[in-house]
């Protein structure tokens, strides 16, 4: 699928706080924990539990969320299709980073081993 400028703008303006509960529901219904979700988010962004809570309470957009993140250098190893888009082909950095996070949450929910998810 082709990503449009409108799609990129929508992702950038979406708040992390609006999506976060869906991440929790997705992983918990598949037998994973909120702690594991936080481990995955921290690996990707560098945000610990305290910082994550601050960002949620602040209702930051994905654009601000990823501007403040220290993206893991191994994030570029995240490949594949998520939400109908091939991650490697996404050019917009914010959209790509949001899809990295979506892919990691998806892998966690599908029961993938943590060392594989964290690209170790």
C-alpha atoms as a PDB file:
ATOM      1  CA  UNK A   1       0.000   0.000   0.000  1.00  0.00           C
ATOM      2  CA  UNK A   2       1.078   3.562  -0.691  1.00  0.00           C
ATOM      3  CA  UNK A   3       1.487   5.909   2.257  1.00  0.00           C
ATOM      4  CA  UNK A   4       0.032   9.365   1.655  1.00  0.00           C
ATOM      5  CA  UNK A   5       1.080  12.667   3.248  1.00  0.00           C
ATOM      6  CA  UNK A   6      -2.328  12.679   4.967  1.00  0.00           C
ATOM      7  CA  UNK A   7      -1.605   9.270   6.482  1.00  0.00           C
ATOM      8  CA  UNK A   8       1.771  10.505   7.780  1.00  0.00           C
ATOM      9  CA  UNK A   9       0.143  13.613   9.278  1.00  0.00           C
ATOM     10  CA  UNK A  10      -2.544  11.517  10.993  1.00  0.00           C
ATOM     11  CA  UNK A  11       0.072   9.225  12.577  1.00  0.00           C
ATOM     12  CA  UNK A  12       2.216  12.186  13.720  1.00  0.00           C
ATOM     13  CA  UNK A  13      -0.742  13.940  15.367  1.00  0.00           C
ATOM     14  CA  UNK A  14      -2.155  10.849  17.086  1.00  0.00           C
ATOM     15  CA  UNK A  15      -1.457  10.800  20.823  1.00  0.00           C
ATOM     16  CA  UNK A  16       0.513   7.956  22.322  1.00  0.00           C
ATOM     17  CA  UNK A  17      -1.945   7.937  25.252  1.00  0.00           C
ATOM     18  CA  UNK A  18      -4.826   7.128  22.884  1.00  0.00           C
ATOM     19  CA  UNK A  19      -3.066   4.044  21.491  1.00  0.00           C
ATOM     20  CA  UNK A  20      -1.333   2.777  24.646  1.00  0.00           C
ATOM     21  CA  UNK A  21      -4.465   1.117  26.177  1.00  0.00           C
ATOM     22  CA  UNK A  22      -4.924  -0.815  22.925  1.00  0.00           C
ATOM     23  CA  UNK A  23      -1.331  -2.083  23.169  1.00  0.00           C
ATOM     24  CA  UNK A  24      -1.999  -3.298  26.730  1.00  0.00           C
ATOM     25  CA  UNK A  25      -5.257  -5.011  25.730  1.00  0.00           C
ATOM     26  CA  UNK A  26      -3.618  -6.670  22.721  1.00  0.00           C
ATOM     27  CA  UNK A  27      -0.730  -8.185  24.678  1.00  0.00           C
ATOM     28  CA  UNK A  28      -2.715  -9.110  27.805  1.00  0.00           C
ATOM     29  CA  UNK A  29      -5.440 -10.933  25.858  1.00  0.00           C
ATOM     30  CA  UNK A  30      -2.666 -13.068  24.364  1.00  0.00           C
ATOM     31  CA  UNK A  31      -1.165 -13.921  27.764  1.00  0.00           C
ATOM     32  CA  UNK A  32       1.655 -11.385  27.854  1.00  0.00           C
ATOM     33  CA  UNK A  33       2.103  -8.711  30.530  1.00  0.00           C
ATOM     34  CA  UNK A  34       2.158  -4.944  30.812  1.00  0.00           C
ATOM     35  CA  UNK A  35       5.704  -5.343  32.155  1.00  0.00           C
ATOM     36  CA  UNK A  36       6.761  -7.119  28.970  1.00  0.00           C
ATOM     37  CA  UNK A  37       5.107  -4.377  26.906  1.00  0.00           C
ATOM     38  CA  UNK A  38       7.059  -1.752  28.852  1.00  0.00           C
ATOM     39  CA  UNK A  39      10.277  -3.728  28.310  1.00  0.00           C
ATOM     40  CA  UNK A  40       9.669  -3.663  24.549  1.00  0.00           C
ATOM     41  CA  UNK A  41       8.832   0.069  24.557  1.00  0.00           C
ATOM     42  CA  UNK A  42      11.921   0.842  26.642  1.00  0.00           C
ATOM     43  CA  UNK A  43      14.123  -1.180  24.291  1.00  0.00           C
ATOM     44  CA  UNK A  44      12.850   0.789  21.283  1.00  0.00           C
ATOM     45  CA  UNK A  45      12.664   4.280  22.825  1.00  0.00           C
ATOM     46  CA  UNK A  46      14.770   4.356  25.980  1.00  0.00           C
ATOM     47  CA  UNK A  47      11.707   5.423  28.038  1.00  0.00           C
ATOM     48  CA  UNK A  48      11.496   3.797  31.475  1.00  0.00           C
ATOM     49  CA  UNK A  49       8.174   3.357  33.324  1.00  0.00           C
ATOM     50  CA  UNK A  50       8.382   6.795  34.957  1.00  0.00           C
ATOM     51  CA  UNK A  51       9.074   8.619  31.669  1.00  0.00           C
ATOM     52  CA  UNK A  52       6.394   6.608  29.888  1.00  0.00           C
ATOM     53  CA  UNK A  53       3.828   7.662  32.512  1.00  0.00           C
ATOM     54  CA  UNK A  54       4.877  11.308  32.119  1.00  0.00           C
ATOM     55  CA  UNK A  55       4.442  11.129  28.332  1.00  0.00           C
ATOM     56  CA  UNK A  56       1.031   9.475  28.683  1.00  0.00           C
ATOM     57  CA  UNK A  57      -0.125  12.091  31.214  1.00  0.00           C
ATOM     58  CA  UNK A  58       1.215  14.865  28.989  1.00  0.00           C
ATOM     59  CA  UNK A  59      -0.759  13.370  26.063  1.00  0.00           C
ATOM     60  CA  UNK A  60       2.140  13.789  23.640  1.00  0.00           C
ATOM     61  CA  UNK A  61       1.671  13.089  19.952  1.00  0.00           C
ATOM     62  CA  UNK A  62       3.638  10.336  18.248  1.00  0.00           C
ATOM     63  CA  UNK A  63       5.710  13.085  16.658  1.00  0.00           C
ATOM     64  CA  UNK A  64       6.807  14.416  20.071  1.00  0.00           C
ATOM     65  CA  UNK A  65       7.045  10.896  21.514  1.00  0.00           C
ATOM     66  CA  UNK A  66       9.606   9.862  18.910  1.00  0.00           C
ATOM     67  CA  UNK A  67      11.409  13.232  18.930  1.00  0.00           C
ATOM     68  CA  UNK A  68      12.146  12.651  22.626  1.00  0.00           C
ATOM     69  CA  UNK A  69      13.065   8.990  22.173  1.00  0.00           C
ATOM     70  CA  UNK A  70      16.579   7.658  21.834  1.00  0.00           C
ATOM     71  CA  UNK A  71      15.771   5.053  19.216  1.00  0.00           C
ATOM     72  CA  UNK A  72      17.615   1.778  19.647  1.00  0.00           C
ATOM     73  CA  UNK A  73      20.237   1.387  16.885  1.00  0.00           C
ATOM     74  CA  UNK A  74      18.935  -2.149  16.281  1.00  0.00           C
ATOM     75  CA  UNK A  75      15.465  -0.769  15.428  1.00  0.00           C
ATOM     76  CA  UNK A  76      16.459  -0.854  11.760  1.00  0.00           C
ATOM     77  CA  UNK A  77      16.433  -4.651  12.063  1.00  0.00           C
ATOM     78  CA  UNK A  78      12.637  -4.533  12.505  1.00  0.00           C
ATOM     79  CA  UNK A  79      11.252  -5.625   9.169  1.00  0.00           C
ATOM     80  CA  UNK A  80       8.096  -7.060   7.708  1.00  0.00           C
ATOM     81  CA  UNK A  81       4.510  -6.023   7.133  1.00  0.00           C
ATOM     82  CA  UNK A  82       2.352  -4.314   9.742  1.00  0.00           C
ATOM     83  CA  UNK A  83      -1.072  -2.762   9.143  1.00  0.00           C
ATOM     84  CA  UNK A  84      -0.660  -3.530   5.435  1.00  0.00           C
ATOM     85  CA  UNK A  85       2.607  -1.584   5.091  1.00  0.00           C
ATOM     86  CA  UNK A  86       6.093  -2.983   4.557  1.00  0.00           C
ATOM     87  CA  UNK A  87       8.216  -1.275   7.215  1.00  0.00           C
ATOM     88  CA  UNK A  88      11.362  -1.195   5.081  1.00  0.00           C
ATOM     89  CA  UNK A  89       9.549   0.867   2.418  1.00  0.00           C
ATOM     90  CA  UNK A  90       8.191   3.570   4.751  1.00  0.00           C
ATOM     91  CA  UNK A  91      10.053   6.824   4.114  1.00  0.00           C
ATOM     92  CA  UNK A  92       8.528   9.155   6.721  1.00  0.00           C
ATOM     93  CA  UNK A  93      10.551   8.755   9.960  1.00  0.00           C
ATOM     94  CA  UNK A  94       7.640   9.258  12.394  1.00  0.00           C
ATOM     95  CA  UNK A  95       5.401   6.802  10.535  1.00  0.00           C
ATOM     96  CA  UNK A  96       8.264   4.300  10.319  1.00  0.00           C
ATOM     97  CA  UNK A  97       8.993   4.564  14.047  1.00  0.00           C
ATOM     98  CA  UNK A  98       5.306   4.198  14.929  1.00  0.00           C
ATOM     99  CA  UNK A  99       5.179   1.062  12.756  1.00  0.00           C
ATOM    100  CA  UNK A 100       8.332  -0.254  14.485  1.00  0.00           C
ATOM    101  CA  UNK A 101       6.427  -0.003  17.762  1.00  0.00           C
ATOM    102  CA  UNK A 102       3.311  -1.608  16.245  1.00  0.00           C
ATOM    103  CA  UNK A 103       5.421  -4.490  14.923  1.00  0.00           C
ATOM    104  CA  UNK A 104       7.098  -5.086  18.296  1.00  0.00           C
ATOM    105  CA  UNK A 105       3.715  -5.101  20.072  1.00  0.00           C
ATOM    106  CA  UNK A 106       2.398  -7.513  17.434  1.00  0.00           C
ATOM    107  CA  UNK A 107       5.379  -9.850  17.895  1.00  0.00           C
ATOM    108  CA  UNK A 108       4.896  -9.759  21.671  1.00  0.00           C
ATOM    109  CA  UNK A 109       1.181 -10.579  21.324  1.00  0.00           C
ATOM    110  CA  UNK A 110       1.967 -13.439  18.943  1.00  0.00           C
ATOM    111  CA  UNK A 111       4.129 -15.088  21.604  1.00  0.00           C
ATOM    112  CA  UNK A 112       7.531 -14.464  20.059  1.00  0.00           C
ATOM    113  CA  UNK A 113      10.443 -14.927  22.470  1.00  0.00           C
ATOM    114  CA  UNK A 114      11.646 -11.710  24.070  1.00  0.00           C
ATOM    115  CA  UNK A 115      15.247 -12.117  22.857  1.00  0.00           C
ATOM    116  CA  UNK A 116      13.940 -12.321  19.283  1.00  0.00           C
ATOM    117  CA  UNK A 117      11.677  -9.291  19.736  1.00  0.00           C
ATOM    118  CA  UNK A 118      14.604  -7.296  21.168  1.00  0.00           C
ATOM    119  CA  UNK A 119      16.822  -8.371  18.259  1.00  0.00           C
ATOM    120  CA  UNK A 120      19.469  -9.969  20.498  1.00  0.00           C
END
